Amino acid sequence: MNITIIKAKSLKEKPDPKALGFGKHFTDYMFEMDYFDGKGWINPTIKPYEPLELHPSSLILHYGQAVFEGLKAYKSQEGKTLLFRPEQNFERLNISSDRMCIPEINVNDAMDAMYKLLEIENDWIPTFEGTSLYIRPFIFANENALGVSTSAHFKFMIILTPVGAYYSEGFSPVKIYVEQKYVRAVPGGVGMAKTAGNYAASIKAQYEAKKKGYSQVLWLDGCEHKYVEEVGTMNVFFKVNGEVITPELNGSILSGITRNSVIQLLKSEGYKVTERRIELKEIFDAADKGELDEVFGTGTAAVISPVGELATDDKKITISDGKVGKLSQWLYNELTDIQNGIKPDKFGWVKTL
């Protein structure tokens, strides 16, 4: 793929790496490519980060035909750029696109575009402990027309943002509210796709939870409203009597790359890991019996997010005495050490640029 590069007239001042937050600062350049029916994906370009020009009738503004991914780039102690299982993200992007009637992107081309963008923006990868360069590939419908149908024009883009911790608490236990009114997804819907509408639908519940003092919500299934599905934007795990259990992939749960990595890590260390339906009552009963050892979420943004409190309107349980559990800490250390090139990668997950 021949990528056109348009040089910026000036470069930005880089932010303080100790005060990055998440998704607040953006690098000097971005990648974009267009799709037109009959032409395919054309015009791959790296250009200065700048506002987009959208017509008021652009289909994305009306019908939400959009998908996205999230992954990170790290700097090793030797100064090399490292990526964690990046091909998985672009393969999953195509799975999401298929569900949303968006044309597939060649995974190798997408990877090449990302590599070139990272090569140009190499100095933006922060090296302060706990920081990384977050990579956001996304595709959206950009045909100028009204009418609920798939677009004839799409735009694929990659933008970059240097980030610190996803949650303001950092790597500390978060408080989670069990959502019992709203639902995130149902089997047959788009819960397994990283599509814009999924996240728009989740905002109300998260907003209400934060007003009550909670960082995120625990979603229950959309049919019977009693089985655990996800924590906010993360997959969720429970350690009960030494066994690690997590909701099975059922069509309404995202197939998380960190989720899969955690399962592989745990099994390699001899842990019993079970993927199955988990009733909320089972978790609360385990807590009452003193059998609920740990709860944690997994995802690219936070990596591992330990849960210190789980609550409904009627009941509240404290997990691991409100502290980071041993397993959560170990998983976080193992994953981040592999991602940063500190520990050997026996799984072949890390790509070095």
Protein backbone atom coordinates (compact mmCIF):
# COMPACT_ATOMS: atom_id res chain seq x y z
CA MET A 1 0.00 0.00 0.00
CA ASN A 2 1.45 3.36 -1.07
CA ILE A 3 0.65 5.90 1.63
CA THR A 4 0.68 9.62 0.82
CA ILE A 5 2.26 11.67 3.61
CA ILE A 6 1.31 15.32 4.10
CA LYS A 7 3.72 17.15 6.37
CA ALA A 8 2.50 19.39 9.21
CA LYS A 9 3.55 23.04 9.12
CA SER A 10 4.36 22.91 12.83
CA LEU A 11 4.40 20.32 15.60
CA LYS A 12 2.64 20.42 18.97
CA GLU A 13 4.26 20.74 22.36
CA LYS A 14 4.03 17.37 24.07
CA PRO A 15 2.08 17.15 27.35
CA ASP A 16 3.52 16.37 30.78
CA PRO A 17 3.81 12.54 30.84
CA LYS A 18 2.98 12.55 34.58
CA ALA A 19 -0.41 14.19 34.01
CA LEU A 20 -1.77 12.66 30.82
CA GLY A 21 -5.18 11.38 31.90
CA PHE A 22 -6.90 9.31 29.23
CA GLY A 23 -7.78 10.51 25.73
CA LYS A 24 -7.10 14.18 26.42
CA HIS A 25 -4.14 14.84 24.10
CA PHE A 26 -3.64 13.87 20.45
CA THR A 27 -0.53 13.52 18.34
CA ASP A 28 0.54 15.55 15.31
CA TYR A 29 -0.65 13.12 12.62
CA MET A 30 -3.50 10.76 11.77
CA PHE A 31 -4.18 8.15 9.09
CA GLU A 32 -7.22 8.10 6.84
CA MET A 33 -8.48 6.09 3.87
CA ASP A 34 -11.75 6.18 1.92
CA TYR A 35 -14.06 3.48 0.63
CA PHE A 36 -16.41 3.99 -2.33
CA ASP A 37 -18.68 1.35 -3.82
CA GLY A 38 -17.08 0.12 -7.03
CA LYS A 39 -13.62 1.44 -6.09
CA GLY A 40 -12.87 -0.22 -2.76
CA TRP A 41 -10.47 1.30 -0.23
CA ILE A 42 -8.46 4.15 -1.80
CA ASN A 43 -6.40 7.24 -0.99
CA PRO A 44 -4.40 6.03 2.07
CA THR A 45 -2.98 9.18 3.63
CA ILE A 46 -1.09 10.25 6.74
CA LYS A 47 -1.85 13.91 7.37
CA PRO A 48 -1.81 16.45 10.21
CA TYR A 49 -4.36 15.80 12.97
CA GLU A 50 -7.19 18.18 12.20
CA PRO A 51 -11.00 18.50 12.26
CA LEU A 52 -13.03 16.53 9.75
CA GLU A 53 -15.38 18.07 7.24
CA LEU A 54 -18.79 16.36 7.43
CA HIS A 55 -21.96 17.26 5.59
CA PRO A 56 -25.08 17.60 7.80
CA SER A 57 -26.53 14.64 5.87
CA SER A 58 -23.54 12.36 6.53
CA LEU A 59 -25.06 8.99 7.44
CA ILE A 60 -22.91 8.57 10.54
CA LEU A 61 -24.65 11.54 12.16
CA HIS A 62 -28.07 9.96 11.75
CA TYR A 63 -27.79 6.19 11.92
CA GLY A 64 -24.57 5.42 13.80
CA GLN A 65 -22.97 3.04 11.30
CA ALA A 66 -19.52 3.00 12.89
CA VAL A 67 -17.05 0.57 14.48
CA PHE A 68 -13.79 1.07 16.35
CA GLU A 69 -10.91 -0.63 18.13
CA GLY A 70 -8.41 0.24 20.84
CA LEU A 71 -4.85 -0.95 21.38
CA LYS A 72 -1.62 0.44 22.81
CA ALA A 73 2.01 1.01 21.88
CA TYR A 74 4.71 0.83 24.55
CA LYS A 75 8.40 1.67 24.78
CA SER A 76 10.74 -1.07 25.96
CA GLN A 77 13.68 -0.31 28.24
CA GLU A 78 15.86 -0.54 25.11
CA GLY A 79 13.74 2.11 23.37
CA LYS A 80 11.96 -0.25 20.98
CA THR A 81 8.27 0.18 20.13
CA LEU A 82 6.12 -2.75 21.27
CA LEU A 83 2.54 -3.69 20.37
CA PHE A 84 0.38 -6.25 22.16
CA ARG A 85 -1.45 -8.69 19.83
CA PRO A 86 -2.29 -5.93 17.29
CA GLU A 87 -3.49 -8.31 14.57
CA GLN A 88 -6.27 -9.43 16.93
CA ASN A 89 -7.66 -5.90 17.02
CA PHE A 90 -7.87 -5.56 13.25
CA GLU A 91 -9.36 -9.03 12.88
CA ARG A 92 -11.99 -8.08 15.45
CA LEU A 93 -12.58 -4.79 13.64
CA ASN A 94 -13.58 -6.82 10.59
CA ILE A 95 -15.93 -8.94 12.71
CA SER A 96 -17.60 -5.77 13.99
CA SER A 97 -17.71 -4.37 10.45
CA ASP A 98 -19.42 -7.48 9.13
CA ARG A 99 -22.18 -7.11 11.72
CA MET A 100 -22.63 -3.43 10.78
CA CYS A 101 -22.52 -3.94 6.97
CA ILE A 102 -19.20 -2.13 6.66
CA PRO A 103 -16.69 -3.38 4.05
CA GLU A 104 -13.77 -5.42 5.31
CA ILE A 105 -10.29 -3.92 5.53
CA ASN A 106 -7.21 -5.92 4.63
CA VAL A 107 -5.59 -6.66 8.00
CA ASN A 108 -2.04 -6.43 6.64
CA ASP A 109 -2.75 -3.07 5.02
CA ALA A 110 -4.27 -1.74 8.25
CA MET A 111 -1.26 -2.96 10.22
CA ASP A 112 1.15 -1.36 7.74
CA ALA A 113 -0.71 1.95 8.02
CA MET A 114 -0.52 1.81 11.81
CA TYR A 115 3.19 0.92 11.75
CA LYS A 116 3.95 3.85 9.45
CA LEU A 117 1.96 6.25 11.63
CA LEU A 118 3.77 5.00 14.74
CA GLU A 119 7.12 5.39 13.00
CA ILE A 120 6.32 9.05 12.33
CA GLU A 121 4.91 9.61 15.84
CA ASN A 122 7.58 7.60 17.67
CA ASP A 123 8.47 10.49 20.00
CA TRP A 124 4.88 10.62 21.26
CA ILE A 125 5.11 7.23 22.95
CA PRO A 126 5.52 8.12 26.64
CA THR A 127 8.01 6.26 28.83
CA PHE A 128 6.84 7.29 32.30
CA GLU A 129 5.67 4.30 34.38
CA GLY A 130 2.05 3.35 33.70
CA THR A 131 1.80 5.33 30.45
CA SER A 132 1.44 4.25 26.81
CA LEU A 133 0.28 5.49 23.43
CA TYR A 134 -3.35 4.55 22.88
CA ILE A 135 -4.24 3.72 19.26
CA ARG A 136 -7.81 4.22 18.05
CA PRO A 137 -8.65 2.75 14.60
CA PHE A 138 -12.25 3.42 13.52
CA ILE A 139 -14.54 3.32 10.49
CA PHE A 140 -17.68 5.35 9.91
CA ALA A 141 -20.32 5.81 7.22
CA ASN A 142 -19.79 9.03 5.28
CA GLU A 143 -22.29 9.03 2.44
CA ASN A 144 -24.28 12.25 2.17
CA ALA A 145 -27.87 11.00 2.08
CA LEU A 146 -30.80 10.23 4.34
CA GLY A 147 -32.42 6.81 4.57
CA VAL A 148 -31.72 3.79 6.74
CA SER A 149 -29.45 1.70 4.54
CA THR A 150 -25.78 0.84 4.36
CA SER A 151 -23.54 3.64 3.17
CA ALA A 152 -21.76 3.70 -0.19
CA HIS A 153 -18.89 5.72 1.30
CA PHE A 154 -16.86 4.99 4.43
CA LYS A 155 -13.81 6.49 6.06
CA PHE A 156 -11.19 4.45 7.96
CA MET A 157 -8.99 6.42 10.35
CA ILE A 158 -6.34 5.88 13.01
CA ILE A 159 -5.66 8.50 15.68
CA LEU A 160 -3.20 8.38 18.59
CA THR A 161 -3.30 9.70 22.14
CA PRO A 162 -0.66 9.39 24.90
CA VAL A 163 -2.41 8.11 28.03
CA GLY A 164 -2.01 7.36 31.72
CA ALA A 165 -4.46 5.42 33.89
CA TYR A 166 -7.98 4.90 32.52
CA TYR A 167 -9.65 5.38 35.90
CA SER A 168 -8.92 8.32 38.18
CA GLU A 169 -8.35 5.76 40.96
CA GLY A 170 -5.40 4.36 38.98
CA PHE A 171 -4.67 0.72 39.85
CA SER A 172 -6.90 0.74 42.91
CA PRO A 173 -10.18 -1.12 43.53
CA VAL A 174 -13.20 0.51 41.91
CA LYS A 175 -16.79 0.54 43.13
CA ILE A 176 -19.30 -1.09 40.77
CA TYR A 177 -23.07 -0.65 40.70
CA VAL A 178 -25.21 -3.54 39.41
CA GLU A 179 -27.49 -2.14 36.71
CA GLN A 180 -30.98 -3.62 37.10
CA LYS A 181 -33.08 -1.25 34.99
CA TYR A 182 -31.25 -0.69 31.71
CA VAL A 183 -29.72 -3.36 29.46
CA ARG A 184 -26.62 -3.18 27.28
CA ALA A 185 -27.27 -5.89 24.70
CA VAL A 186 -29.25 -9.01 23.82
CA PRO A 187 -28.35 -12.14 21.83
CA GLY A 188 -28.85 -11.40 18.15
CA GLY A 189 -28.09 -7.74 18.68
CA VAL A 190 -24.77 -5.96 18.34
CA GLY A 191 -23.31 -6.56 21.80
CA MET A 192 -20.42 -8.58 20.38
CA ALA A 193 -19.40 -5.73 18.06
CA LYS A 194 -17.41 -2.64 19.00
CA THR A 195 -19.91 -0.29 17.45
CA ALA A 196 -20.74 3.26 18.47
CA GLY A 197 -24.36 2.54 19.40
CA ASN A 198 -23.37 0.04 22.09
CA TYR A 199 -21.52 2.72 23.97
CA ALA A 200 -24.14 5.40 23.42
CA ALA A 201 -26.72 3.04 24.95
CA SER A 202 -24.52 2.53 28.03
CA ILE A 203 -24.04 6.20 28.91
CA LYS A 204 -27.30 6.68 30.83
CA ALA A 205 -26.63 3.80 33.21
CA GLN A 206 -23.03 4.92 33.78
CA TYR A 207 -24.17 8.49 34.40
CA GLU A 208 -26.69 7.33 37.02
CA ALA A 209 -24.11 5.06 38.66
CA LYS A 210 -21.57 7.87 38.95
CA LYS A 211 -24.17 10.08 40.62
CA LYS A 212 -24.42 7.34 43.27
CA GLY A 213 -20.65 7.29 43.75
CA TYR A 214 -19.74 4.30 41.56
CA SER A 215 -17.07 4.15 38.86
CA GLN A 216 -18.87 1.75 36.53
CA VAL A 217 -21.85 -0.56 36.14
CA LEU A 218 -22.12 -4.33 36.06
CA TRP A 219 -24.42 -5.23 33.18
CA LEU A 220 -26.88 -8.11 33.45
CA ASP A 221 -28.31 -10.07 30.52
CA GLY A 222 -31.06 -8.37 28.54
CA CYS A 223 -33.55 -11.28 28.57
CA GLU A 224 -33.82 -12.65 32.11
CA HIS A 225 -31.96 -9.80 33.76
CA LYS A 226 -30.15 -12.03 36.22
CA TYR A 227 -26.98 -13.29 34.53
CA VAL A 228 -23.73 -11.30 34.67
CA GLU A 229 -22.36 -10.04 31.34
CA GLU A 230 -19.81 -7.19 31.45
CA VAL A 231 -18.46 -4.43 33.67
CA GLY A 232 -18.93 -1.17 31.78
CA THR A 233 -16.47 -1.36 28.91
CA MET A 234 -14.66 -4.42 30.28
CA ASN A 235 -15.04 -8.17 30.58
CA VAL A 236 -15.42 -9.40 34.16
CA PHE A 237 -13.87 -12.25 36.18
CA PHE A 238 -14.69 -13.71 39.60
CA LYS A 239 -12.40 -15.85 41.77
CA VAL A 240 -14.59 -18.16 43.85
CA ASN A 241 -13.05 -20.84 46.07
CA GLY A 242 -9.86 -20.80 44.00
CA GLU A 243 -11.69 -21.19 40.66
CA VAL A 244 -11.73 -18.28 38.21
CA ILE A 245 -15.03 -17.91 36.36
CA THR A 246 -16.08 -15.48 33.63
CA PRO A 247 -19.24 -15.12 31.53
CA GLU A 248 -19.18 -17.23 28.38
CA LEU A 249 -19.25 -15.51 24.99
CA ASN A 250 -22.89 -15.64 23.98
CA GLY A 251 -23.26 -13.12 21.17
CA SER A 252 -23.96 -10.17 23.45
CA ILE A 253 -20.54 -10.04 25.14
CA LEU A 254 -17.43 -8.59 23.51
CA SER A 255 -14.67 -11.09 22.83
CA GLY A 256 -11.99 -9.15 24.68
CA ILE A 257 -8.35 -9.54 23.69
CA THR A 258 -7.24 -8.89 27.26
CA ARG A 259 -9.91 -11.37 28.40
CA ASN A 260 -8.43 -14.04 26.17
CA SER A 261 -4.91 -13.19 27.33
CA VAL A 262 -5.90 -13.46 30.99
CA ILE A 263 -7.49 -16.86 30.41
CA GLN A 264 -4.31 -18.11 28.72
CA LEU A 265 -2.10 -16.70 31.47
CA LEU A 266 -4.18 -18.28 34.24
CA LYS A 267 -4.34 -21.68 32.57
CA SER A 268 -0.57 -21.64 32.00
CA GLU A 269 -0.16 -21.22 35.78
CA GLY A 270 -2.49 -24.11 36.58
CA TYR A 271 -5.59 -22.15 37.55
CA LYS A 272 -8.98 -23.67 36.84
CA VAL A 273 -10.75 -21.21 34.52
CA THR A 274 -14.39 -21.71 33.58
CA GLU A 275 -16.41 -19.80 30.99
CA ARG A 276 -20.14 -20.17 31.68
CA ARG A 277 -23.35 -18.37 32.56
CA ILE A 278 -23.06 -16.75 35.99
CA GLU A 279 -26.14 -15.70 37.92
CA LEU A 280 -25.74 -12.54 40.00
CA LYS A 281 -27.27 -14.36 42.97
CA GLU A 282 -24.44 -16.89 42.82
CA ILE A 283 -21.88 -14.12 43.30
CA PHE A 284 -23.71 -12.56 46.23
CA ASP A 285 -24.22 -15.98 47.83
CA ALA A 286 -20.50 -16.72 47.46
CA ALA A 287 -19.73 -13.42 49.19
CA ASP A 288 -22.09 -14.29 52.06
CA LYS A 289 -20.30 -17.63 52.50
CA GLY A 290 -16.87 -16.01 52.41
CA GLU A 291 -16.04 -17.78 49.15
CA LEU A 292 -15.75 -14.76 46.84
CA ASP A 293 -12.02 -14.07 46.80
CA GLU A 294 -11.68 -11.44 44.04
CA VAL A 295 -13.49 -9.62 41.25
CA PHE A 296 -11.73 -7.79 38.43
CA GLY A 297 -12.39 -6.35 35.00
CA THR A 298 -10.16 -6.74 31.94
CA GLY A 299 -9.71 -4.50 28.93
CA THR A 300 -7.15 -2.68 26.80
CA ALA A 301 -7.64 0.69 28.46
CA ALA A 302 -7.28 -0.35 32.12
CA VAL A 303 -5.62 -3.78 31.54
CA ILE A 304 -6.79 -5.13 34.93
CA SER A 305 -9.26 -3.23 37.09
CA PRO A 306 -9.76 -4.72 40.57
CA VAL A 307 -13.24 -4.36 42.05
CA GLY A 308 -13.51 -3.48 45.74
CA GLU A 309 -17.26 -3.08 46.07
CA LEU A 310 -20.31 -4.45 44.27
CA ALA A 311 -23.74 -3.04 45.04
CA THR A 312 -27.41 -3.10 44.13
CA ASP A 313 -30.07 -0.82 45.61
CA ASP A 314 -30.69 -3.46 48.29
CA LYS A 315 -27.30 -5.00 49.00
CA LYS A 316 -23.64 -4.10 49.06
CA ILE A 317 -20.64 -6.41 49.30
CA THR A 318 -16.98 -5.58 49.91
CA ILE A 319 -14.43 -7.68 48.03
CA SER A 320 -10.88 -8.41 49.21
CA ASP A 321 -11.44 -6.01 52.11
CA GLY A 322 -11.60 -3.22 49.53
CA LYS A 323 -7.97 -3.83 48.58
CA VAL A 324 -6.25 -5.10 45.43
CA GLY A 325 -6.38 -8.90 45.44
CA LYS A 326 -3.26 -11.01 44.99
CA LEU A 327 -4.44 -12.49 41.70
CA SER A 328 -5.47 -9.12 40.27
CA GLN A 329 -2.08 -7.69 41.19
CA TRP A 330 -0.22 -10.65 39.70
CA LEU A 331 -2.19 -10.49 36.44
CA TYR A 332 -1.63 -6.76 36.12
CA ASN A 333 2.10 -7.14 36.74
CA GLU A 334 2.44 -10.07 34.33
CA LEU A 335 0.51 -8.43 31.50
CA THR A 336 2.11 -5.01 31.78
CA ASP A 337 5.58 -6.55 32.11
CA ILE A 338 4.99 -8.56 28.92
CA GLN A 339 3.52 -5.53 27.14
CA ASN A 340 6.49 -3.35 28.12
CA GLY A 341 9.09 -5.99 27.24
CA ILE A 342 10.23 -6.42 30.85
CA LYS A 343 9.39 -10.13 31.01
CA PRO A 344 9.83 -12.78 28.30
CA ASP A 345 6.79 -13.26 26.06
CA LYS A 346 6.30 -17.02 25.97
CA PHE A 347 2.98 -16.66 24.14
CA GLY A 348 4.27 -14.74 21.11
CA TRP A 349 1.90 -11.84 21.78
CA VAL A 350 4.26 -8.88 21.42
CA LYS A 351 5.21 -7.34 18.07
CA THR A 352 8.40 -5.25 18.00
CA LEU A 353 8.75 -2.41 15.50
